[in-house]
Amino acid sequence: MTSCTGAIALLRPLTDAGVLPAECPISIQGVSDYRGGGRQLMDAFHGRGEHHLHGAYHAYGLNHNLNHLPEIKKYAKLEVEPMFTPAVGAFAQGMIVRCRCTSANCHPNCGC
């Protein structure tokens, strides 16, 4: 599972319940394990192959030209495309995803 899927899993129940208005601007930060990136990314983290990654955290897609954005918008039932900052971490399993609404128009129980 990717942090994109994790964001949808967090947001969709909130939009379905009416707690998160669909027009609310959302900021998403997600860090996924390196195994979700396939063989090339796994090799890079293990120092094999063409590219080598060092360190615990690598952000990508910083130009916000990601194929995940329309997917998140559609399946989370959002009207506004979210701001998504994905990253890959130096761990083999797991993820952490943080979604934040930055609008004063949210439901009082939203917590933003």
PDB file of N, CA and C in Angstrom:
ATOM      1  N   MET A   1       0.855  -1.175   0.000  1.00  0.00           N
ATOM      2  CA  MET A   1       0.000   0.000   0.000  1.00  0.00           C
ATOM      3  C   MET A   1       0.901   1.238   0.000  1.00  0.00           C
ATOM      4  N   THR A   2       0.508   2.239  -0.736  1.00  0.00           N
ATOM      5  CA  THR A   2       1.266   3.482  -0.814  1.00  0.00           C
ATOM      6  C   THR A   2       0.655   4.533   0.101  1.00  0.00           C
ATOM      7  N   SER A   3       1.384   5.615   0.310  1.00  0.00           N
ATOM      8  CA  SER A   3       0.831   6.697   1.140  1.00  0.00           C
ATOM      9  C   SER A   3      -0.363   7.353   0.466  1.00  0.00           C
ATOM     10  N   CYS A   4      -0.464   7.253  -0.845  1.00  0.00           N
ATOM     11  CA  CYS A   4      -1.644   7.731  -1.580  1.00  0.00           C
ATOM     12  C   CYS A   4      -2.872   6.954  -1.123  1.00  0.00           C
ATOM     13  N   THR A   5      -2.764   5.635  -1.100  1.00  0.00           N
ATOM     14  CA  THR A   5      -3.862   4.780  -0.648  1.00  0.00           C
ATOM     15  C   THR A   5      -4.173   5.038   0.815  1.00  0.00           C
ATOM     16  N   GLY A   6      -3.137   5.253   1.619  1.00  0.00           N
ATOM     17  CA  GLY A   6      -3.339   5.570   3.025  1.00  0.00           C
ATOM     18  C   GLY A   6      -4.111   6.867   3.214  1.00  0.00           C
ATOM     19  N   ALA A   7      -3.822   7.857   2.388  1.00  0.00           N
ATOM     20  CA  ALA A   7      -4.534   9.137   2.475  1.00  0.00           C
ATOM     21  C   ALA A   7      -6.009   8.951   2.132  1.00  0.00           C
ATOM     22  N   ILE A   8      -6.289   8.167   1.107  1.00  0.00           N
ATOM     23  CA  ILE A   8      -7.684   7.904   0.733  1.00  0.00           C
ATOM     24  C   ILE A   8      -8.401   7.185   1.878  1.00  0.00           C
ATOM     25  N   ALA A   9      -7.724   6.217   2.493  1.00  0.00           N
ATOM     26  CA  ALA A   9      -8.322   5.473   3.611  1.00  0.00           C
ATOM     27  C   ALA A   9      -8.634   6.377   4.795  1.00  0.00           C
ATOM     28  N   LEU A  10      -7.856   7.426   4.982  1.00  0.00           N
ATOM     29  CA  LEU A  10      -8.108   8.377   6.069  1.00  0.00           C
ATOM     30  C   LEU A  10      -9.197   9.384   5.711  1.00  0.00           C
ATOM     31  N   LEU A  11      -9.181   9.869   4.480  1.00  0.00           N
ATOM     32  CA  LEU A  11     -10.070  10.965   4.090  1.00  0.00           C
ATOM     33  C   LEU A  11     -11.482  10.523   3.704  1.00  0.00           C
ATOM     34  N   ARG A  12     -11.610   9.425   2.999  1.00  0.00           N
ATOM     35  CA  ARG A  12     -12.916   9.009   2.469  1.00  0.00           C
ATOM     36  C   ARG A  12     -13.991   8.848   3.553  1.00  0.00           C
ATOM     37  N   PRO A  13     -13.706   8.195   4.673  1.00  0.00           N
ATOM     38  CA  PRO A  13     -14.741   8.087   5.710  1.00  0.00           C
ATOM     39  C   PRO A  13     -15.184   9.450   6.253  1.00  0.00           C
ATOM     40  N   LEU A  14     -14.264  10.399   6.279  1.00  0.00           N
ATOM     41  CA  LEU A  14     -14.593  11.737   6.781  1.00  0.00           C
ATOM     42  C   LEU A  14     -15.475  12.504   5.801  1.00  0.00           C
ATOM     43  N   THR A  15     -15.201  12.375   4.504  1.00  0.00           N
ATOM     44  CA  THR A  15     -16.059  13.046   3.526  1.00  0.00           C
ATOM     45  C   THR A  15     -17.419  12.352   3.444  1.00  0.00           C
ATOM     46  N   ASP A  16     -17.427  11.035   3.516  1.00  0.00           N
ATOM     47  CA  ASP A  16     -18.697  10.302   3.496  1.00  0.00           C
ATOM     48  C   ASP A  16     -19.588  10.671   4.675  1.00  0.00           C
ATOM     49  N   ALA A  17     -18.982  10.901   5.844  1.00  0.00           N
ATOM     50  CA  ALA A  17     -19.746  11.224   7.049  1.00  0.00           C
ATOM     51  C   ALA A  17     -20.115  12.706   7.132  1.00  0.00           C
ATOM     52  N   GLY A  18     -19.573  13.513   6.221  1.00  0.00           N
ATOM     53  CA  GLY A  18     -19.862  14.944   6.239  1.00  0.00           C
ATOM     54  C   GLY A  18     -19.035  15.725   7.239  1.00  0.00           C
ATOM     55  N   VAL A  19     -18.064  15.071   7.864  1.00  0.00           N
ATOM     56  CA  VAL A  19     -17.187  15.754   8.822  1.00  0.00           C
ATOM     57  C   VAL A  19     -16.182  16.626   8.092  1.00  0.00           C
ATOM     58  N   LEU A  20     -15.733  16.160   6.945  1.00  0.00           N
ATOM     59  CA  LEU A  20     -14.774  16.898   6.125  1.00  0.00           C
ATOM     60  C   LEU A  20     -15.487  17.354   4.856  1.00  0.00           C
ATOM     61  N   PRO A  21     -15.730  18.656   4.718  1.00  0.00           N
ATOM     62  CA  PRO A  21     -16.373  19.144   3.493  1.00  0.00           C
ATOM     63  C   PRO A  21     -15.499  18.863   2.274  1.00  0.00           C
ATOM     64  N   ALA A  22     -16.116  18.475   1.182  1.00  0.00           N
ATOM     65  CA  ALA A  22     -15.388  18.115  -0.035  1.00  0.00           C
ATOM     66  C   ALA A  22     -14.572  19.282  -0.580  1.00  0.00           C
ATOM     67  N   GLU A  23     -14.978  20.512  -0.304  1.00  0.00           N
ATOM     68  CA  GLU A  23     -14.265  21.682  -0.823  1.00  0.00           C
ATOM     69  C   GLU A  23     -13.111  22.125   0.068  1.00  0.00           C
ATOM     70  N   CYS A  24     -12.886  21.417   1.155  1.00  0.00           N
ATOM     71  CA  CYS A  24     -11.828  21.774   2.104  1.00  0.00           C
ATOM     72  C   CYS A  24     -10.446  21.509   1.486  1.00  0.00           C
ATOM     73  N   PRO A  25      -9.531  22.480   1.531  1.00  0.00           N
ATOM     74  CA  PRO A  25      -8.175  22.236   1.020  1.00  0.00           C
ATOM     75  C   PRO A  25      -7.403  21.314   1.961  1.00  0.00           C
ATOM     76  N   ILE A  26      -6.806  20.280   1.406  1.00  0.00           N
ATOM     77  CA  ILE A  26      -6.119  19.258   2.194  1.00  0.00           C
ATOM     78  C   ILE A  26      -4.630  19.251   1.865  1.00  0.00           C
ATOM     79  N   SER A  27      -3.828  19.123   2.898  1.00  0.00           N
ATOM     80  CA  SER A  27      -2.390  18.942   2.762  1.00  0.00           C
ATOM     81  C   SER A  27      -2.064  17.538   3.270  1.00  0.00           C
ATOM     82  N   ILE A  28      -1.336  16.770   2.472  1.00  0.00           N
ATOM     83  CA  ILE A  28      -1.010  15.385   2.818  1.00  0.00           C
ATOM     84  C   ILE A  28       0.504  15.209   2.806  1.00  0.00           C
ATOM     85  N   GLN A  29       1.028  14.647   3.877  1.00  0.00           N
ATOM     86  CA  GLN A  29       2.423  14.236   3.925  1.00  0.00           C
ATOM     87  C   GLN A  29       2.416  12.732   4.160  1.00  0.00           C
ATOM     88  N   GLY A  30       3.121  12.001   3.313  1.00  0.00           N
ATOM     89  CA  GLY A  30       3.149  10.550   3.446  1.00  0.00           C
ATOM     90  C   GLY A  30       4.542   9.998   3.264  1.00  0.00           C
ATOM     91  N   VAL A  31       4.912   9.065   4.133  1.00  0.00           N
ATOM     92  CA  VAL A  31       6.193   8.371   4.012  1.00  0.00           C
ATOM     93  C   VAL A  31       5.884   6.878   3.941  1.00  0.00           C
ATOM     94  N   SER A  32       6.269   6.248   2.850  1.00  0.00           N
ATOM     95  CA  SER A  32       6.036   4.820   2.634  1.00  0.00           C
ATOM     96  C   SER A  32       7.358   4.066   2.717  1.00  0.00           C
ATOM     97  N   ASP A  33       7.236   2.757   2.939  1.00  0.00           N
ATOM     98  CA  ASP A  33       8.426   1.914   2.943  1.00  0.00           C
ATOM     99  C   ASP A  33       9.006   1.794   1.532  1.00  0.00           C
ATOM    100  N   TYR A  34      10.285   1.473   1.460  1.00  0.00           N
ATOM    101  CA  TYR A  34      10.951   1.418   0.159  1.00  0.00           C
ATOM    102  C   TYR A  34      10.532   0.210  -0.669  1.00  0.00           C
ATOM    103  N   ARG A  35       9.953  -0.798  -0.072  1.00  0.00           N
ATOM    104  CA  ARG A  35       9.564  -1.998  -0.827  1.00  0.00           C
ATOM    105  C   ARG A  35       8.412  -1.706  -1.788  1.00  0.00           C
ATOM    106  N   GLY A  36       7.607  -0.717  -1.479  1.00  0.00           N
ATOM    107  CA  GLY A  36       6.496  -0.369  -2.360  1.00  0.00           C
ATOM    108  C   GLY A  36       6.945   0.249  -3.666  1.00  0.00           C
ATOM    109  N   GLY A  37       8.195   0.668  -3.745  1.00  0.00           N
ATOM    110  CA  GLY A  37       8.711   1.296  -4.951  1.00  0.00           C
ATOM    111  C   GLY A  37       9.267   0.322  -5.967  1.00  0.00           C
ATOM    112  N   GLY A  38       9.208  -0.952  -5.683  1.00  0.00           N
ATOM    113  CA  GLY A  38       9.681  -1.950  -6.634  1.00  0.00           C
ATOM    114  C   GLY A  38      11.166  -2.253  -6.498  1.00  0.00           C
ATOM    115  N   ARG A  39      11.622  -3.094  -7.380  1.00  0.00           N
ATOM    116  CA  ARG A  39      12.983  -3.633  -7.325  1.00  0.00           C
ATOM    117  C   ARG A  39      14.058  -2.549  -7.413  1.00  0.00           C
ATOM    118  N   GLN A  40      13.879  -1.555  -8.297  1.00  0.00           N
ATOM    119  CA  GLN A  40      14.908  -0.523  -8.459  1.00  0.00           C
ATOM    120  C   GLN A  40      15.087   0.275  -7.169  1.00  0.00           C
ATOM    121  N   LEU A  41      13.995   0.615  -6.527  1.00  0.00           N
ATOM    122  CA  LEU A  41      14.091   1.383  -5.289  1.00  0.00           C
ATOM    123  C   LEU A  41      14.685   0.537  -4.170  1.00  0.00           C
ATOM    124  N   MET A  42      14.318  -0.732  -4.103  1.00  0.00           N
ATOM    125  CA  MET A  42      14.905  -1.621  -3.101  1.00  0.00           C
ATOM    126  C   MET A  42      16.415  -1.732  -3.304  1.00  0.00           C
ATOM    127  N   ASP A  43      16.830  -1.885  -4.564  1.00  0.00           N
ATOM    128  CA  ASP A  43      18.262  -1.965  -4.864  1.00  0.00           C
ATOM    129  C   ASP A  43      18.978  -0.674  -4.477  1.00  0.00           C
ATOM    130  N   ALA A  44      18.355   0.458  -4.739  1.00  0.00           N
ATOM    131  CA  ALA A  44      18.970   1.750  -4.405  1.00  0.00           C
ATOM    132  C   ALA A  44      19.196   1.878  -2.900  1.00  0.00           C
ATOM    133  N   PHE A  45      18.252   1.427  -2.098  1.00  0.00           N
ATOM    134  CA  PHE A  45      18.407   1.505  -0.648  1.00  0.00           C
ATOM    135  C   PHE A  45      19.435   0.510  -0.120  1.00  0.00           C
ATOM    136  N   HIS A  46      19.661  -0.570  -0.858  1.00  0.00           N
ATOM    137  CA  HIS A  46      20.636  -1.572  -0.429  1.00  0.00           C
ATOM    138  C   HIS A  46      21.994  -1.373  -1.098  1.00  0.00           C
ATOM    139  N   GLY A  47      22.167  -0.255  -1.824  1.00  0.00           N
ATOM    140  CA  GLY A  47      23.456   0.051  -2.436  1.00  0.00           C
ATOM    141  C   GLY A  47      23.762  -0.768  -3.670  1.00  0.00           C
ATOM    142  N   ARG A  48      22.745  -1.335  -4.284  1.00  0.00           N
ATOM    143  CA  ARG A  48      22.936  -2.116  -5.513  1.00  0.00           C
ATOM    144  C   ARG A  48      22.351  -1.331  -6.684  1.00  0.00           C
ATOM    145  N   GLY A  49      22.760  -1.693  -7.862  1.00  0.00           N
ATOM    146  CA  GLY A  49      22.165  -1.101  -9.052  1.00  0.00           C
ATOM    147  C   GLY A  49      22.773   0.240  -9.422  1.00  0.00           C
ATOM    148  N   GLU A  50      22.081   0.947 -10.299  1.00  0.00           N
ATOM    149  CA  GLU A  50      22.567   2.185 -10.893  1.00  0.00           C
ATOM    150  C   GLU A  50      22.580   3.356  -9.921  1.00  0.00           C
ATOM    151  N   HIS A  51      21.567   3.457  -9.063  1.00  0.00           N
ATOM    152  CA  HIS A  51      21.432   4.581  -8.136  1.00  0.00           C
ATOM    153  C   HIS A  51      21.556   4.087  -6.702  1.00  0.00           C
ATOM    154  N   HIS A  52      22.129   4.950  -5.868  1.00  0.00           N
ATOM    155  CA  HIS A  52      22.268   4.610  -4.457  1.00  0.00           C
ATOM    156  C   HIS A  52      21.637   5.717  -3.624  1.00  0.00           C
ATOM    157  N   LEU A  53      20.789   5.329  -2.688  1.00  0.00           N
ATOM    158  CA  LEU A  53      20.156   6.288  -1.779  1.00  0.00           C
ATOM    159  C   LEU A  53      20.720   6.090  -0.383  1.00  0.00           C
ATOM    160  N   HIS A  54      21.084   7.195   0.226  1.00  0.00           N
ATOM    161  CA  HIS A  54      21.621   7.154   1.582  1.00  0.00           C
ATOM    162  C   HIS A  54      20.751   8.040   2.457  1.00  0.00           C
ATOM    163  N   GLY A  55      20.591   7.661   3.682  1.00  0.00           N
ATOM    164  CA  GLY A  55      19.771   8.439   4.594  1.00  0.00           C
ATOM    165  C   GLY A  55      18.431   7.766   4.831  1.00  0.00           C
ATOM    166  N   ALA A  56      17.664   8.343   5.733  1.00  0.00           N
ATOM    167  CA  ALA A  56      16.425   7.716   6.184  1.00  0.00           C
ATOM    168  C   ALA A  56      15.184   8.203   5.448  1.00  0.00           C
ATOM    169  N   TYR A  57      15.287   9.284   4.691  1.00  0.00           N
ATOM    170  CA  TYR A  57      14.085   9.923   4.147  1.00  0.00           C
ATOM    171  C   TYR A  57      14.398  10.554   2.794  1.00  0.00           C
ATOM    172  N   HIS A  58      13.545  10.275   1.810  1.00  0.00           N
ATOM    173  CA  HIS A  58      13.735  10.851   0.482  1.00  0.00           C
ATOM    174  C   HIS A  58      12.390  11.308  -0.066  1.00  0.00           C
ATOM    175  N   ALA A  59      12.197  12.623  -0.143  1.00  0.00           N
ATOM    176  CA  ALA A  59      10.975  13.186  -0.716  1.00  0.00           C
ATOM    177  C   ALA A  59      11.074  13.113  -2.239  1.00  0.00           C
ATOM    178  N   TYR A  60       9.935  13.006  -2.888  1.00  0.00           N
ATOM    179  CA  TYR A  60       9.899  13.001  -4.346  1.00  0.00           C
ATOM    180  C   TYR A  60       8.618  13.673  -4.806  1.00  0.00           C
ATOM    181  N   GLY A  61       8.519  13.912  -6.099  1.00  0.00           N
ATOM    182  CA  GLY A  61       7.323  14.542  -6.653  1.00  0.00           C
ATOM    183  C   GLY A  61       7.131  15.966  -6.173  1.00  0.00           C
ATOM    184  N   LEU A  62       8.210  16.654  -5.902  1.00  0.00           N
ATOM    185  CA  LEU A  62       8.107  18.002  -5.334  1.00  0.00           C
ATOM    186  C   LEU A  62       7.586  19.033  -6.331  1.00  0.00           C
ATOM    187  N   ASN A  63       7.516  18.663  -7.596  1.00  0.00           N
ATOM    188  CA  ASN A  63       6.918  19.562  -8.593  1.00  0.00           C
ATOM    189  C   ASN A  63       5.400  19.409  -8.637  1.00  0.00           C
ATOM    190  N   HIS A  64       4.865  18.511  -7.792  1.00  0.00           N
ATOM    191  CA  HIS A  64       3.420  18.262  -7.657  1.00  0.00           C
ATOM    192  C   HIS A  64       2.774  17.816  -8.967  1.00  0.00           C
ATOM    193  N   ASN A  65       3.565  17.192  -9.814  1.00  0.00           N
ATOM    194  CA  ASN A  65       3.056  16.630 -11.061  1.00  0.00           C
ATOM    195  C   ASN A  65       2.973  15.111 -10.888  1.00  0.00           C
ATOM    196  N   LEU A  66       2.102  14.670  -9.974  1.00  0.00           N
ATOM    197  CA  LEU A  66       2.002  13.260  -9.620  1.00  0.00           C
ATOM    198  C   LEU A  66       0.700  12.660 -10.137  1.00  0.00           C
ATOM    199  N   ASN A  67       0.769  11.429 -10.591  1.00  0.00           N
ATOM    200  CA  ASN A  67      -0.456  10.765 -11.030  1.00  0.00           C
ATOM    201  C   ASN A  67      -1.363  10.426  -9.854  1.00  0.00           C
ATOM    202  N   HIS A  68      -0.858  10.509  -8.628  1.00  0.00           N
ATOM    203  CA  HIS A  68      -1.655  10.208  -7.442  1.00  0.00           C
ATOM    204  C   HIS A  68      -2.678  11.297  -7.126  1.00  0.00           C
ATOM    205  N   LEU A  69      -2.442  12.522  -7.553  1.00  0.00           N
ATOM    206  CA  LEU A  69      -3.319  13.633  -7.166  1.00  0.00           C
ATOM    207  C   LEU A  69      -4.753  13.457  -7.667  1.00  0.00           C
ATOM    208  N   PRO A  70      -4.984  13.167  -8.954  1.00  0.00           N
ATOM    209  CA  PRO A  70      -6.367  12.947  -9.394  1.00  0.00           C
ATOM    210  C   PRO A  70      -7.011  11.737  -8.714  1.00  0.00           C
ATOM    211  N   GLU A  71      -6.201  10.719  -8.434  1.00  0.00           N
ATOM    212  CA  GLU A  71      -6.690   9.516  -7.768  1.00  0.00           C
ATOM    213  C   GLU A  71      -7.167   9.828  -6.348  1.00  0.00           C
ATOM    214  N   ILE A  72      -6.368  10.582  -5.614  1.00  0.00           N
ATOM    215  CA  ILE A  72      -6.761  10.961  -4.251  1.00  0.00           C
ATOM    216  C   ILE A  72      -8.029  11.802  -4.297  1.00  0.00           C
ATOM    217  N   LYS A  73      -8.050  12.777  -5.193  1.00  0.00           N
ATOM    218  CA  LYS A  73      -9.219  13.651  -5.305  1.00  0.00           C
ATOM    219  C   LYS A  73     -10.483  12.849  -5.599  1.00  0.00           C
ATOM    220  N   LYS A  74     -10.395  11.935  -6.538  1.00  0.00           N
ATOM    221  CA  LYS A  74     -11.560  11.146  -6.947  1.00  0.00           C
ATOM    222  C   LYS A  74     -12.044  10.224  -5.832  1.00  0.00           C
ATOM    223  N   TYR A  75     -11.161   9.409  -5.285  1.00  0.00           N
ATOM    224  CA  TYR A  75     -11.581   8.369  -4.347  1.00  0.00           C
ATOM    225  C   TYR A  75     -11.810   8.879  -2.929  1.00  0.00           C
ATOM    226  N   ALA A  76     -11.227  10.024  -2.584  1.00  0.00           N
ATOM    227  CA  ALA A  76     -11.513  10.629  -1.277  1.00  0.00           C
ATOM    228  C   ALA A  76     -12.725  11.555  -1.364  1.00  0.00           C
ATOM    229  N   LYS A  77     -13.262  11.710  -2.578  1.00  0.00           N
ATOM    230  CA  LYS A  77     -14.421  12.573  -2.846  1.00  0.00           C
ATOM    231  C   LYS A  77     -14.149  14.030  -2.484  1.00  0.00           C
ATOM    232  N   LEU A  78     -13.003  14.528  -2.933  1.00  0.00           N
ATOM    233  CA  LEU A  78     -12.622  15.920  -2.700  1.00  0.00           C
ATOM    234  C   LEU A  78     -12.950  16.745  -3.937  1.00  0.00           C
ATOM    235  N   GLU A  79     -13.296  17.981  -3.750  1.00  0.00           N
ATOM    236  CA  GLU A  79     -13.539  18.891  -4.871  1.00  0.00           C
ATOM    237  C   GLU A  79     -12.277  19.641  -5.270  1.00  0.00           C
ATOM    238  N   VAL A  80     -11.345  19.743  -4.358  1.00  0.00           N
ATOM    239  CA  VAL A  80     -10.094  20.477  -4.586  1.00  0.00           C
ATOM    240  C   VAL A  80      -8.944  19.470  -4.566  1.00  0.00           C
ATOM    241  N   GLU A  81      -8.066  19.556  -5.561  1.00  0.00           N
ATOM    242  CA  GLU A  81      -6.909  18.668  -5.585  1.00  0.00           C
ATOM    243  C   GLU A  81      -6.030  18.943  -4.369  1.00  0.00           C
ATOM    244  N   PRO A  82      -5.621  17.906  -3.644  1.00  0.00           N
ATOM    245  CA  PRO A  82      -4.829  18.131  -2.433  1.00  0.00           C
ATOM    246  C   PRO A  82      -3.379  18.503  -2.743  1.00  0.00           C
ATOM    247  N   MET A  83      -2.720  19.060  -1.763  1.00  0.00           N
ATOM    248  CA  MET A  83      -1.275  19.271  -1.807  1.00  0.00           C
ATOM    249  C   MET A  83      -0.665  18.007  -1.209  1.00  0.00           C
ATOM    250  N   PHE A  84       0.103  17.275  -1.997  1.00  0.00           N
ATOM    251  CA  PHE A  84       0.611  15.966  -1.572  1.00  0.00           C
ATOM    252  C   PHE A  84       2.120  15.961  -1.634  1.00  0.00           C
ATOM    253  N   THR A  85       2.759  15.647  -0.517  1.00  0.00           N
ATOM    254  CA  THR A  85       4.209  15.551  -0.443  1.00  0.00           C
ATOM    255  C   THR A  85       4.563  14.118  -0.065  1.00  0.00           C
ATOM    256  N   PRO A  86       4.805  13.261  -1.066  1.00  0.00           N
ATOM    257  CA  PRO A  86       5.163  11.880  -0.775  1.00  0.00           C
ATOM    258  C   PRO A  86       6.659  11.729  -0.526  1.00  0.00           C
ATOM    259  N   ALA A  87       6.995  10.684   0.199  1.00  0.00           N
ATOM    260  CA  ALA A  87       8.403  10.383   0.469  1.00  0.00           C
ATOM    261  C   ALA A  87       8.536   8.884   0.667  1.00  0.00           C
ATOM    262  N   VAL A  88       9.757   8.436   0.590  1.00  0.00           N
ATOM    263  CA  VAL A  88      10.063   7.034   0.857  1.00  0.00           C
ATOM    264  C   VAL A  88      11.067   7.001   1.995  1.00  0.00           C
ATOM    265  N   GLY A  89      10.860   6.059   2.904  1.00  0.00           N
ATOM    266  CA  GLY A  89      11.737   5.935   4.063  1.00  0.00           C
ATOM    267  C   GLY A  89      12.601   4.695   3.984  1.00  0.00           C
ATOM    268  N   ALA A  90      13.659   4.693   4.769  1.00  0.00           N
ATOM    269  CA  ALA A  90      14.608   3.581   4.786  1.00  0.00           C
ATOM    270  C   ALA A  90      14.124   2.490   5.737  1.00  0.00           C
ATOM    271  N   PHE A  91      12.923   2.020   5.499  1.00  0.00           N
ATOM    272  CA  PHE A  91      12.375   0.906   6.270  1.00  0.00           C
ATOM    273  C   PHE A  91      11.605   0.004   5.312  1.00  0.00           C
ATOM    274  N   ALA A  92      11.561  -1.288   5.624  1.00  0.00           N
ATOM    275  CA  ALA A  92      11.033  -2.283   4.686  1.00  0.00           C
ATOM    276  C   ALA A  92       9.521  -2.421   4.718  1.00  0.00           C
ATOM    277  N   GLN A  93       8.874  -2.058   5.808  1.00  0.00           N
ATOM    278  CA  GLN A  93       7.426  -2.200   5.895  1.00  0.00           C
ATOM    279  C   GLN A  93       6.836  -1.038   6.679  1.00  0.00           C
ATOM    280  N   GLY A  94       5.650  -0.599   6.240  1.00  0.00           N
ATOM    281  CA  GLY A  94       4.914   0.403   6.992  1.00  0.00           C
ATOM    282  C   GLY A  94       4.846   1.745   6.291  1.00  0.00           C
ATOM    283  N   MET A  95       4.091   2.641   6.909  1.00  0.00           N
ATOM    284  CA  MET A  95       3.964   3.994   6.387  1.00  0.00           C
ATOM    285  C   MET A  95       3.402   4.882   7.486  1.00  0.00           C
ATOM    286  N   ILE A  96       3.556   6.165   7.274  1.00  0.00           N
ATOM    287  CA  ILE A  96       2.900   7.157   8.105  1.00  0.00           C
ATOM    288  C   ILE A  96       2.312   8.196   7.156  1.00  0.00           C
ATOM    289  N   VAL A  97       1.055   8.523   7.380  1.00  0.00           N
ATOM    290  CA  VAL A  97       0.363   9.480   6.522  1.00  0.00           C
ATOM    291  C   VAL A  97      -0.315  10.501   7.415  1.00  0.00           C
ATOM    292  N   ARG A  98      -0.130  11.755   7.089  1.00  0.00           N
ATOM    293  CA  ARG A  98      -0.744  12.853   7.832  1.00  0.00           C
ATOM    294  C   ARG A  98      -1.543  13.695   6.849  1.00  0.00           C
ATOM    295  N   CYS A  99      -2.822  13.877   7.154  1.00  0.00           N
ATOM    296  CA  CYS A  99      -3.693  14.710   6.334  1.00  0.00           C
ATOM    297  C   CYS A  99      -4.163  15.874   7.188  1.00  0.00           C
ATOM    298  N   ARG A 100      -4.092  17.062   6.628  1.00  0.00           N
ATOM    299  CA  ARG A 100      -4.492  18.241   7.387  1.00  0.00           C
ATOM    300  C   ARG A 100      -5.358  19.144   6.531  1.00  0.00           C
ATOM    301  N   CYS A 101      -6.478  19.541   7.105  1.00  0.00           N
ATOM    302  CA  CYS A 101      -7.352  20.512   6.463  1.00  0.00           C
ATOM    303  C   CYS A 101      -6.958  21.892   6.973  1.00  0.00           C
ATOM    304  N   THR A 102      -6.890  22.844   6.083  1.00  0.00           N
ATOM    305  CA  THR A 102      -6.438  24.182   6.472  1.00  0.00           C
ATOM    306  C   THR A 102      -7.513  25.234   6.251  1.00  0.00           C
ATOM    307  N   SER A 103      -8.770  24.824   6.360  1.00  0.00           N
ATOM    308  CA  SER A 103      -9.858  25.749   6.076  1.00  0.00           C
ATOM    309  C   SER A 103     -10.695  26.021   7.316  1.00  0.00           C
ATOM    310  N   ALA A 104     -11.212  27.226   7.418  1.00  0.00           N
ATOM    311  CA  ALA A 104     -12.119  27.579   8.497  1.00  0.00           C
ATOM    312  C   ALA A 104     -13.531  27.063   8.222  1.00  0.00           C
ATOM    313  N   ASN A 105     -13.768  26.495   7.035  1.00  0.00           N
ATOM    314  CA  ASN A 105     -15.095  26.009   6.658  1.00  0.00           C
ATOM    315  C   ASN A 105     -15.361  24.587   7.108  1.00  0.00           C
ATOM    316  N   CYS A 106     -14.442  23.970   7.808  1.00  0.00           N
ATOM    317  CA  CYS A 106     -14.615  22.579   8.206  1.00  0.00           C
ATOM    318  C   CYS A 106     -15.641  22.421   9.306  1.00  0.00           C
ATOM    319  N   HIS A 107     -16.047  21.192   9.459  1.00  0.00           N
ATOM    320  CA  HIS A 107     -16.958  20.791  10.520  1.00  0.00           C
ATOM    321  C   HIS A 107     -16.288  21.094  11.870  1.00  0.00           C
ATOM    322  N   PRO A 108     -17.035  21.523  12.888  1.00  0.00           N
ATOM    323  CA  PRO A 108     -16.426  21.836  14.199  1.00  0.00           C
ATOM    324  C   PRO A 108     -15.648  20.666  14.800  1.00  0.00           C
ATOM    325  N   ASN A 109     -15.991  19.423  14.454  1.00  0.00           N
ATOM    326  CA  ASN A 109     -15.300  18.271  14.996  1.00  0.00           C
ATOM    327  C   ASN A 109     -14.085  17.848  14.168  1.00  0.00           C
ATOM    328  N   CYS A 110     -13.794  18.583  13.119  1.00  0.00           N
ATOM    329  CA  CYS A 110     -12.694  18.209  12.236  1.00  0.00           C
ATOM    330  C   CYS A 110     -11.349  18.332  12.953  1.00  0.00           C
ATOM    331  N   GLY A 111     -11.187  19.347  13.768  1.00  0.00           N
ATOM    332  CA  GLY A 111      -9.949  19.503  14.522  1.00  0.00           C
ATOM    333  C   GLY A 111      -8.863  20.274  13.795  1.00  0.00           C
ATOM    334  N   CYS A 112      -9.198  20.925  12.689  1.00  0.00           N
ATOM    335  CA  CYS A 112      -8.159  21.676  11.977  1.00  0.00           C
ATOM    336  C   CYS A 112      -8.116  23.119  12.427  1.00  0.00           C
TER     337      CYS A 112
END
